[in-house]
């Protein structure tokens, strides 16, 4: 959830002045009793930006940080329970992480994507990489069928996945330009070993529903139509709701006449199979 809007302009001006002085907003709780957790700073004098929504499960708070770490905290005191450095150039998803409950053979896990297109699983109790998930806790999401011959550097995750049963359902962040490149498909992965279970083609392939809403040749290799924000889930009915953005380039549609499904649409699919409902 995003922070509530300021009640009035005066409050906004006060907060702007406090930010300029390096102080928290006027209505922020007192953090002097150990309640603030920033982690190591990338720069000396300023904090890096974060849009994280903390996740609290079984008396622990889990957050991703803009300093290449995922952290477990005591939600009452802010005390750090564990912190795991995430190697590589891509930060963990800036909007947070997700929790998988585990099963009879596998303990609970924290799962999240990175800005450079990796899906990572950590042991929720210790923060250790889940060794039997993908390659030592990491699944490479930048597969050839997703990249469409485009550049791998444009593909990643900025928001947490959502878990349904033993499935980790992921959206993605892709390029704004050029028009052709990485697909914005939604995919589901097995939470135990990381193998791919299903793919929902956000730009339909030939023979699939919606393909005929694209001008001939304009759907192939098209980027965009991705869920860069939060997915939603009706767990009782097993439905995943996917809010898709516009096709690339989103400010020019002269090369893609038609309704361009499933661009700029909220789509419901079977969370077990990825089948369109």
C-alpha atoms as a PDB file:
ATOM      1  CA  UNK A   1       0.000   0.000   0.000  1.00  0.00           C
ATOM      2  CA  UNK A   2       1.170   3.483  -0.737  1.00  0.00           C
ATOM      3  CA  UNK A   3       1.370   6.063   2.085  1.00  0.00           C
ATOM      4  CA  UNK A   4      -1.768   8.145   2.552  1.00  0.00           C
ATOM      5  CA  UNK A   5      -1.802  11.536   0.871  1.00  0.00           C
ATOM      6  CA  UNK A   6      -1.082  14.627   2.982  1.00  0.00           C
ATOM      7  CA  UNK A   7      -4.178  16.079   4.587  1.00  0.00           C
ATOM      8  CA  UNK A   8      -3.331  19.584   3.408  1.00  0.00           C
ATOM      9  CA  UNK A   9      -0.664  21.741   1.817  1.00  0.00           C
ATOM     10  CA  UNK A  10       0.574  23.037   5.173  1.00  0.00           C
ATOM     11  CA  UNK A  11       1.414  19.490   6.297  1.00  0.00           C
ATOM     12  CA  UNK A  12       3.207  18.883   3.002  1.00  0.00           C
ATOM     13  CA  UNK A  13       5.280  22.048   3.431  1.00  0.00           C
ATOM     14  CA  UNK A  14       6.251  21.064   6.972  1.00  0.00           C
ATOM     15  CA  UNK A  15       7.327  17.613   5.844  1.00  0.00           C
ATOM     16  CA  UNK A  16       9.282  19.041   2.904  1.00  0.00           C
ATOM     17  CA  UNK A  17      11.203  21.290   5.305  1.00  0.00           C
ATOM     18  CA  UNK A  18      11.885  18.385   7.653  1.00  0.00           C
ATOM     19  CA  UNK A  19      13.166  16.269   4.762  1.00  0.00           C
ATOM     20  CA  UNK A  20      15.483  19.087   3.742  1.00  0.00           C
ATOM     21  CA  UNK A  21      16.869  19.041   7.291  1.00  0.00           C
ATOM     22  CA  UNK A  22      17.270  15.259   7.231  1.00  0.00           C
ATOM     23  CA  UNK A  23      14.366  14.689   9.650  1.00  0.00           C
ATOM     24  CA  UNK A  24      11.419  12.270   9.344  1.00  0.00           C
ATOM     25  CA  UNK A  25       7.885  13.542   8.609  1.00  0.00           C
ATOM     26  CA  UNK A  26       6.150  15.334  11.477  1.00  0.00           C
ATOM     27  CA  UNK A  27       3.635  12.517  11.924  1.00  0.00           C
ATOM     28  CA  UNK A  28       6.245   9.726  11.954  1.00  0.00           C
ATOM     29  CA  UNK A  29       6.428   7.598  15.123  1.00  0.00           C
ATOM     30  CA  UNK A  30       9.317   8.050  17.545  1.00  0.00           C
ATOM     31  CA  UNK A  31      12.153   5.843  16.300  1.00  0.00           C
ATOM     32  CA  UNK A  32      14.610   6.556  19.103  1.00  0.00           C
ATOM     33  CA  UNK A  33      13.801   3.325  20.950  1.00  0.00           C
ATOM     34  CA  UNK A  34      15.360   1.072  18.360  1.00  0.00           C
ATOM     35  CA  UNK A  35      12.434   1.053  15.947  1.00  0.00           C
ATOM     36  CA  UNK A  36      14.279   2.356  12.869  1.00  0.00           C
ATOM     37  CA  UNK A  37      16.173   0.023  10.568  1.00  0.00           C
ATOM     38  CA  UNK A  38      17.975   1.461   7.569  1.00  0.00           C
ATOM     39  CA  UNK A  39      20.860  -0.903   6.982  1.00  0.00           C
ATOM     40  CA  UNK A  40      24.249   0.173   5.652  1.00  0.00           C
ATOM     41  CA  UNK A  41      24.074   3.238   3.440  1.00  0.00           C
ATOM     42  CA  UNK A  42      25.396   3.314  -0.096  1.00  0.00           C
ATOM     43  CA  UNK A  43      26.324   6.979   0.484  1.00  0.00           C
ATOM     44  CA  UNK A  44      27.351   8.768   3.635  1.00  0.00           C
ATOM     45  CA  UNK A  45      24.784  11.529   3.911  1.00  0.00           C
ATOM     46  CA  UNK A  46      21.602  10.324   2.220  1.00  0.00           C
ATOM     47  CA  UNK A  47      19.369   7.279   2.358  1.00  0.00           C
ATOM     48  CA  UNK A  48      18.511   5.400  -0.832  1.00  0.00           C
ATOM     49  CA  UNK A  49      14.844   5.342  -1.809  1.00  0.00           C
ATOM     50  CA  UNK A  50      12.582   2.438  -0.892  1.00  0.00           C
ATOM     51  CA  UNK A  51       8.943   1.552  -1.629  1.00  0.00           C
ATOM     52  CA  UNK A  52       8.887  -1.572   0.518  1.00  0.00           C
ATOM     53  CA  UNK A  53       5.729  -2.913   2.138  1.00  0.00           C
ATOM     54  CA  UNK A  54       6.931  -4.859   5.199  1.00  0.00           C
ATOM     55  CA  UNK A  55       5.659  -8.410   5.504  1.00  0.00           C
ATOM     56  CA  UNK A  56       4.929  -9.712   9.015  1.00  0.00           C
ATOM     57  CA  UNK A  57       4.500 -13.469   9.516  1.00  0.00           C
ATOM     58  CA  UNK A  58       4.630 -15.440  12.765  1.00  0.00           C
ATOM     59  CA  UNK A  59       6.141 -12.608  14.768  1.00  0.00           C
ATOM     60  CA  UNK A  60       8.815 -11.656  12.237  1.00  0.00           C
ATOM     61  CA  UNK A  61       9.003  -8.734   9.845  1.00  0.00           C
ATOM     62  CA  UNK A  62      10.647  -9.301   6.457  1.00  0.00           C
ATOM     63  CA  UNK A  63      11.813  -6.454   4.219  1.00  0.00           C
ATOM     64  CA  UNK A  64      13.966  -5.918   1.169  1.00  0.00           C
ATOM     65  CA  UNK A  65      16.328  -2.947   1.328  1.00  0.00           C
ATOM     66  CA  UNK A  66      17.858  -0.660  -1.321  1.00  0.00           C
ATOM     67  CA  UNK A  67      21.286  -1.778  -0.083  1.00  0.00           C
ATOM     68  CA  UNK A  68      21.276  -5.270  -1.657  1.00  0.00           C
ATOM     69  CA  UNK A  69      20.007  -6.988   1.473  1.00  0.00           C
ATOM     70  CA  UNK A  70      16.915  -8.836   2.658  1.00  0.00           C
ATOM     71  CA  UNK A  71      16.356  -8.552   6.408  1.00  0.00           C
ATOM     72  CA  UNK A  72      14.268 -10.180   9.133  1.00  0.00           C
ATOM     73  CA  UNK A  73      13.383  -7.971  12.102  1.00  0.00           C
ATOM     74  CA  UNK A  74      11.598  -8.151  15.402  1.00  0.00           C
ATOM     75  CA  UNK A  75       8.481  -6.080  14.575  1.00  0.00           C
ATOM     76  CA  UNK A  76       8.174  -4.805  18.154  1.00  0.00           C
ATOM     77  CA  UNK A  77      11.744  -3.636  18.747  1.00  0.00           C
ATOM     78  CA  UNK A  78      13.290  -3.407  15.279  1.00  0.00           C
ATOM     79  CA  UNK A  79      16.092  -5.749  16.361  1.00  0.00           C
ATOM     80  CA  UNK A  80      17.726  -7.489  13.415  1.00  0.00           C
ATOM     81  CA  UNK A  81      17.208 -11.263  13.461  1.00  0.00           C
ATOM     82  CA  UNK A  82      19.115 -11.979  10.265  1.00  0.00           C
ATOM     83  CA  UNK A  83      20.319 -10.115   7.204  1.00  0.00           C
ATOM     84  CA  UNK A  84      21.297 -11.674   3.895  1.00  0.00           C
ATOM     85  CA  UNK A  85      23.386  -9.875   1.301  1.00  0.00           C
ATOM     86  CA  UNK A  86      22.125 -10.476  -2.235  1.00  0.00           C
ATOM     87  CA  UNK A  87      25.103 -10.708  -4.604  1.00  0.00           C
ATOM     88  CA  UNK A  88      25.063  -9.455  -8.159  1.00  0.00           C
ATOM     89  CA  UNK A  89      24.234  -6.149  -9.801  1.00  0.00           C
ATOM     90  CA  UNK A  90      20.462  -6.318  -9.303  1.00  0.00           C
ATOM     91  CA  UNK A  91      18.797  -5.071  -6.120  1.00  0.00           C
ATOM     92  CA  UNK A  92      16.094  -7.216  -4.522  1.00  0.00           C
ATOM     93  CA  UNK A  93      12.625  -6.051  -5.537  1.00  0.00           C
ATOM     94  CA  UNK A  94      12.178  -2.592  -4.037  1.00  0.00           C
ATOM     95  CA  UNK A  95       8.523  -3.130  -3.076  1.00  0.00           C
ATOM     96  CA  UNK A  96       9.067  -6.139  -0.832  1.00  0.00           C
ATOM     97  CA  UNK A  97       9.167  -9.918  -0.539  1.00  0.00           C
ATOM     98  CA  UNK A  98       6.715 -12.828  -0.294  1.00  0.00           C
ATOM     99  CA  UNK A  99       6.401 -15.752   2.141  1.00  0.00           C
ATOM    100  CA  UNK A 100       5.902 -19.429   1.319  1.00  0.00           C
ATOM    101  CA  UNK A 101       4.632 -21.569   4.199  1.00  0.00           C
ATOM    102  CA  UNK A 102       6.653 -24.635   3.227  1.00  0.00           C
ATOM    103  CA  UNK A 103       5.485 -28.244   3.344  1.00  0.00           C
ATOM    104  CA  UNK A 104       6.264 -31.495   5.148  1.00  0.00           C
ATOM    105  CA  UNK A 105       9.723 -31.717   3.577  1.00  0.00           C
ATOM    106  CA  UNK A 106      10.652 -28.062   3.109  1.00  0.00           C
ATOM    107  CA  UNK A 107      10.707 -25.282   5.727  1.00  0.00           C
ATOM    108  CA  UNK A 108       9.136 -21.844   5.067  1.00  0.00           C
ATOM    109  CA  UNK A 109      10.877 -19.555   2.611  1.00  0.00           C
ATOM    110  CA  UNK A 110      11.135 -15.884   1.730  1.00  0.00           C
ATOM    111  CA  UNK A 111      10.895 -15.452  -2.055  1.00  0.00           C
ATOM    112  CA  UNK A 112      11.515 -12.392  -4.199  1.00  0.00           C
ATOM    113  CA  UNK A 113      12.839 -11.242  -7.534  1.00  0.00           C
ATOM    114  CA  UNK A 114      15.692  -8.906  -8.411  1.00  0.00           C
ATOM    115  CA  UNK A 115      16.047  -6.007 -10.786  1.00  0.00           C
ATOM    116  CA  UNK A 116      18.346  -8.110 -12.985  1.00  0.00           C
ATOM    117  CA  UNK A 117      15.840 -10.945 -13.430  1.00  0.00           C
ATOM    118  CA  UNK A 118      16.600 -13.565 -10.785  1.00  0.00           C
ATOM    119  CA  UNK A 119      14.074 -15.337  -8.557  1.00  0.00           C
ATOM    120  CA  UNK A 120      15.559 -16.050  -5.124  1.00  0.00           C
ATOM    121  CA  UNK A 121      14.453 -18.183  -2.171  1.00  0.00           C
ATOM    122  CA  UNK A 122      15.825 -17.819   1.373  1.00  0.00           C
ATOM    123  CA  UNK A 123      15.167 -19.912   4.460  1.00  0.00           C
ATOM    124  CA  UNK A 124      12.690 -17.839   6.499  1.00  0.00           C
ATOM    125  CA  UNK A 125      14.251 -18.889   9.819  1.00  0.00           C
ATOM    126  CA  UNK A 126      17.900 -18.211   9.016  1.00  0.00           C
ATOM    127  CA  UNK A 127      18.103 -16.156   5.821  1.00  0.00           C
ATOM    128  CA  UNK A 128      20.304 -18.806   4.190  1.00  0.00           C
ATOM    129  CA  UNK A 129      19.880 -19.399   0.456  1.00  0.00           C
ATOM    130  CA  UNK A 130      17.562 -22.357  -0.190  1.00  0.00           C
ATOM    131  CA  UNK A 131      20.087 -24.713  -1.712  1.00  0.00           C
ATOM    132  CA  UNK A 132      17.597 -26.999  -3.492  1.00  0.00           C
ATOM    133  CA  UNK A 133      15.744 -24.106  -5.147  1.00  0.00           C
ATOM    134  CA  UNK A 134      17.112 -23.592  -8.661  1.00  0.00           C
ATOM    135  CA  UNK A 135      20.888 -23.224  -8.529  1.00  0.00           C
ATOM    136  CA  UNK A 136      21.685 -22.798  -4.817  1.00  0.00           C
ATOM    137  CA  UNK A 137      18.639 -20.649  -4.162  1.00  0.00           C
ATOM    138  CA  UNK A 138      18.522 -18.764  -7.462  1.00  0.00           C
ATOM    139  CA  UNK A 139      16.414 -19.252 -10.601  1.00  0.00           C
ATOM    140  CA  UNK A 140      17.375 -17.384 -13.756  1.00  0.00           C
ATOM    141  CA  UNK A 141      14.222 -15.765 -15.138  1.00  0.00           C
ATOM    142  CA  UNK A 142      15.801 -14.290 -18.287  1.00  0.00           C
ATOM    143  CA  UNK A 143      15.093 -17.307 -20.471  1.00  0.00           C
ATOM    144  CA  UNK A 144      15.274 -17.167 -24.293  1.00  0.00           C
ATOM    145  CA  UNK A 145      11.516 -17.488 -24.738  1.00  0.00           C
ATOM    146  CA  UNK A 146      11.030 -14.430 -22.497  1.00  0.00           C
ATOM    147  CA  UNK A 147      13.744 -12.239 -23.983  1.00  0.00           C
ATOM    148  CA  UNK A 148      12.441 -12.603 -27.557  1.00  0.00           C
ATOM    149  CA  UNK A 149      15.949 -11.935 -28.829  1.00  0.00           C
ATOM    150  CA  UNK A 150      16.079  -8.675 -26.840  1.00  0.00           C
ATOM    151  CA  UNK A 151      18.617  -7.463 -24.311  1.00  0.00           C
ATOM    152  CA  UNK A 152      18.669  -9.188 -20.927  1.00  0.00           C
ATOM    153  CA  UNK A 153      19.420  -5.928 -19.103  1.00  0.00           C
ATOM    154  CA  UNK A 154      15.842  -4.720 -19.611  1.00  0.00           C
ATOM    155  CA  UNK A 155      14.197  -7.589 -17.682  1.00  0.00           C
ATOM    156  CA  UNK A 156      13.699  -7.845 -13.923  1.00  0.00           C
ATOM    157  CA  UNK A 157      11.314  -7.596 -10.984  1.00  0.00           C
ATOM    158  CA  UNK A 158      10.512  -4.520  -8.919  1.00  0.00           C
ATOM    159  CA  UNK A 159       7.534  -5.884  -6.967  1.00  0.00           C
ATOM    160  CA  UNK A 160       7.148  -9.072  -4.924  1.00  0.00           C
ATOM    161  CA  UNK A 161       5.646 -12.231  -6.387  1.00  0.00           C
ATOM    162  CA  UNK A 162       2.500 -13.769  -4.923  1.00  0.00           C
ATOM    163  CA  UNK A 163       2.249 -17.309  -3.565  1.00  0.00           C
ATOM    164  CA  UNK A 164      -0.604 -19.707  -4.192  1.00  0.00           C
ATOM    165  CA  UNK A 165      -0.176 -23.130  -2.600  1.00  0.00           C
ATOM    166  CA  UNK A 166       3.243 -24.328  -3.747  1.00  0.00           C
ATOM    167  CA  UNK A 167       3.436 -21.882  -6.648  1.00  0.00           C
ATOM    168  CA  UNK A 168       5.351 -18.596  -6.830  1.00  0.00           C
ATOM    169  CA  UNK A 169       3.593 -16.352  -9.370  1.00  0.00           C
ATOM    170  CA  UNK A 170       5.739 -13.589 -10.847  1.00  0.00           C
ATOM    171  CA  UNK A 171       5.236 -10.451 -12.873  1.00  0.00           C
ATOM    172  CA  UNK A 172       8.079  -8.402 -14.320  1.00  0.00           C
ATOM    173  CA  UNK A 173       9.545  -5.034 -15.189  1.00  0.00           C
ATOM    174  CA  UNK A 174      10.474  -4.643 -18.851  1.00  0.00           C
ATOM    175  CA  UNK A 175      11.589  -1.881 -21.177  1.00  0.00           C
ATOM    176  CA  UNK A 176       9.588   1.193 -22.114  1.00  0.00           C
ATOM    177  CA  UNK A 177      11.398   1.368 -25.466  1.00  0.00           C
ATOM    178  CA  UNK A 178      12.136  -0.051 -28.054  1.00  0.00           C
ATOM    179  CA  UNK A 179       8.899  -1.776 -29.064  1.00  0.00           C
ATOM    180  CA  UNK A 180      10.355  -5.244 -29.511  1.00  0.00           C
ATOM    181  CA  UNK A 181      12.085  -7.133 -26.717  1.00  0.00           C
ATOM    182  CA  UNK A 182      11.417  -8.979 -23.463  1.00  0.00           C
ATOM    183  CA  UNK A 183       7.889 -10.313 -22.982  1.00  0.00           C
ATOM    184  CA  UNK A 184       5.781  -9.239 -19.998  1.00  0.00           C
ATOM    185  CA  UNK A 185       4.398 -12.761 -19.451  1.00  0.00           C
ATOM    186  CA  UNK A 186       3.247 -13.835 -15.987  1.00  0.00           C
ATOM    187  CA  UNK A 187       4.798 -17.113 -14.857  1.00  0.00           C
ATOM    188  CA  UNK A 188       4.457 -19.575 -11.981  1.00  0.00           C
ATOM    189  CA  UNK A 189       7.349 -21.528 -10.447  1.00  0.00           C
ATOM    190  CA  UNK A 190       7.441 -24.464  -8.050  1.00  0.00           C
ATOM    191  CA  UNK A 191       8.294 -23.100  -4.596  1.00  0.00           C
ATOM    192  CA  UNK A 192      10.263 -26.230  -3.685  1.00  0.00           C
ATOM    193  CA  UNK A 193      12.751 -26.599  -6.549  1.00  0.00           C
ATOM    194  CA  UNK A 194      12.070 -23.547  -8.742  1.00  0.00           C
ATOM    195  CA  UNK A 195      11.041 -25.277 -11.953  1.00  0.00           C
ATOM    196  CA  UNK A 196       8.657 -23.429 -14.290  1.00  0.00           C
ATOM    197  CA  UNK A 197       5.044 -24.633 -13.970  1.00  0.00           C
ATOM    198  CA  UNK A 198       3.023 -22.346 -16.263  1.00  0.00           C
ATOM    199  CA  UNK A 199       3.251 -19.216 -18.407  1.00  0.00           C
ATOM    200  CA  UNK A 200       0.484 -16.769 -19.273  1.00  0.00           C
ATOM    201  CA  UNK A 201       1.324 -14.975 -22.530  1.00  0.00           C
ATOM    202  CA  UNK A 202       0.454 -11.332 -21.956  1.00  0.00           C
ATOM    203  CA  UNK A 203       0.705 -10.756 -25.712  1.00  0.00           C
ATOM    204  CA  UNK A 204      -1.145 -13.754 -27.175  1.00  0.00           C
ATOM    205  CA  UNK A 205       0.641 -16.129 -29.513  1.00  0.00           C
ATOM    206  CA  UNK A 206      -0.874 -17.263 -32.791  1.00  0.00           C
ATOM    207  CA  UNK A 207      -3.930 -19.420 -32.082  1.00  0.00           C
ATOM    208  CA  UNK A 208      -4.440 -18.011 -28.575  1.00  0.00           C
ATOM    209  CA  UNK A 209      -7.333 -15.825 -27.432  1.00  0.00           C
ATOM    210  CA  UNK A 210      -6.707 -12.194 -28.273  1.00  0.00           C
ATOM    211  CA  UNK A 211      -4.133 -12.730 -31.013  1.00  0.00           C
ATOM    212  CA  UNK A 212      -6.553 -11.342 -33.572  1.00  0.00           C
ATOM    213  CA  UNK A 213      -6.707  -8.020 -31.695  1.00  0.00           C
ATOM    214  CA  UNK A 214      -3.278  -7.153 -33.079  1.00  0.00           C
ATOM    215  CA  UNK A 215      -2.525  -5.975 -36.601  1.00  0.00           C
ATOM    216  CA  UNK A 216      -0.753  -8.687 -38.610  1.00  0.00           C
ATOM    217  CA  UNK A 217       2.843  -9.040 -37.479  1.00  0.00           C
ATOM    218  CA  UNK A 218       2.595  -6.475 -34.674  1.00  0.00           C
ATOM    219  CA  UNK A 219       2.260  -8.935 -31.766  1.00  0.00           C
ATOM    220  CA  UNK A 220       5.405 -10.937 -32.475  1.00  0.00           C
ATOM    221  CA  UNK A 221       8.293  -9.975 -30.208  1.00  0.00           C
ATOM    222  CA  UNK A 222       6.292  -7.149 -28.616  1.00  0.00           C
ATOM    223  CA  UNK A 223       7.463  -5.949 -25.210  1.00  0.00           C
ATOM    224  CA  UNK A 224       5.459  -4.230 -22.497  1.00  0.00           C
ATOM    225  CA  UNK A 225       2.074  -5.647 -21.386  1.00  0.00           C
ATOM    226  CA  UNK A 226       3.666  -6.559 -18.047  1.00  0.00           C
ATOM    227  CA  UNK A 227       2.597  -6.587 -14.402  1.00  0.00           C
ATOM    228  CA  UNK A 228       5.281  -4.429 -12.813  1.00  0.00           C
ATOM    229  CA  UNK A 229       3.133  -3.810  -9.712  1.00  0.00           C
ATOM    230  CA  UNK A 230       1.350  -6.120  -7.311  1.00  0.00           C
ATOM    231  CA  UNK A 231      -0.567  -9.220  -8.339  1.00  0.00           C
ATOM    232  CA  UNK A 232      -3.753 -10.066  -6.406  1.00  0.00           C
ATOM    233  CA  UNK A 233      -5.146 -13.440  -5.439  1.00  0.00           C
ATOM    234  CA  UNK A 234      -8.520 -14.928  -4.532  1.00  0.00           C
ATOM    235  CA  UNK A 235      -7.084 -17.844  -2.613  1.00  0.00           C
ATOM    236  CA  UNK A 236     -10.436 -19.507  -1.929  1.00  0.00           C
ATOM    237  CA  UNK A 237     -11.383 -19.665  -5.619  1.00  0.00           C
ATOM    238  CA  UNK A 238      -7.838 -20.055  -6.926  1.00  0.00           C
ATOM    239  CA  UNK A 239      -7.878 -16.964  -9.141  1.00  0.00           C
ATOM    240  CA  UNK A 240      -4.911 -14.687  -9.795  1.00  0.00           C
ATOM    241  CA  UNK A 241      -5.626 -11.144 -10.993  1.00  0.00           C
ATOM    242  CA  UNK A 242      -2.999  -9.611 -13.268  1.00  0.00           C
ATOM    243  CA  UNK A 243      -2.981  -5.820 -13.916  1.00  0.00           C
ATOM    244  CA  UNK A 244      -1.194  -5.446 -17.251  1.00  0.00           C
ATOM    245  CA  UNK A 245       0.354  -2.231 -18.498  1.00  0.00           C
ATOM    246  CA  UNK A 246       0.447  -0.889 -22.032  1.00  0.00           C
ATOM    247  CA  UNK A 247       2.374  -2.401 -24.956  1.00  0.00           C
ATOM    248  CA  UNK A 248       5.623  -0.748 -25.939  1.00  0.00           C
ATOM    249  CA  UNK A 249       6.016   1.932 -27.050  1.00  0.00           C
ATOM    250  CA  UNK A 250       3.153   3.095 -24.842  1.00  0.00           C
ATOM    251  CA  UNK A 251       3.019   6.614 -26.295  1.00  0.00           C
ATOM    252  CA  UNK A 252       2.758   5.516 -29.911  1.00  0.00           C
ATOM    253  CA  UNK A 253       0.422   2.884 -31.318  1.00  0.00           C
ATOM    254  CA  UNK A 254       0.762   3.462 -35.024  1.00  0.00           C
ATOM    255  CA  UNK A 255       2.692   0.200 -35.436  1.00  0.00           C
ATOM    256  CA  UNK A 256       0.133  -1.924 -33.549  1.00  0.00           C
ATOM    257  CA  UNK A 257      -3.400  -1.152 -34.704  1.00  0.00           C
ATOM    258  CA  UNK A 258      -6.166  -2.944 -32.808  1.00  0.00           C
ATOM    259  CA  UNK A 259      -7.264  -3.501 -29.215  1.00  0.00           C
ATOM    260  CA  UNK A 260      -3.894  -5.081 -28.359  1.00  0.00           C
ATOM    261  CA  UNK A 261      -5.009  -7.617 -25.744  1.00  0.00           C
ATOM    262  CA  UNK A 262      -4.026  -7.999 -22.974  1.00  0.00           C
ATOM    263  CA  UNK A 263      -2.560  -4.516 -22.762  1.00  0.00           C
ATOM    264  CA  UNK A 264      -3.979  -2.035 -20.234  1.00  0.00           C
ATOM    265  CA  UNK A 265      -6.251  -4.744 -18.825  1.00  0.00           C
ATOM    266  CA  UNK A 266      -7.017  -6.528 -15.567  1.00  0.00           C
ATOM    267  CA  UNK A 267      -7.005 -10.233 -16.389  1.00  0.00           C
ATOM    268  CA  UNK A 268      -8.185 -13.168 -14.274  1.00  0.00           C
ATOM    269  CA  UNK A 269      -6.526 -16.567 -14.645  1.00  0.00           C
ATOM    270  CA  UNK A 270      -6.615 -19.925 -12.882  1.00  0.00           C
ATOM    271  CA  UNK A 271      -3.802 -19.692 -10.325  1.00  0.00           C
ATOM    272  CA  UNK A 272      -3.147 -23.431 -10.632  1.00  0.00           C
ATOM    273  CA  UNK A 273      -2.667 -23.518 -14.406  1.00  0.00           C
ATOM    274  CA  UNK A 274      -2.439 -19.946 -15.720  1.00  0.00           C
ATOM    275  CA  UNK A 275      -5.474 -20.575 -17.943  1.00  0.00           C
ATOM    276  CA  UNK A 276      -7.464 -17.503 -18.921  1.00  0.00           C
ATOM    277  CA  UNK A 277     -10.868 -17.382 -17.215  1.00  0.00           C
END
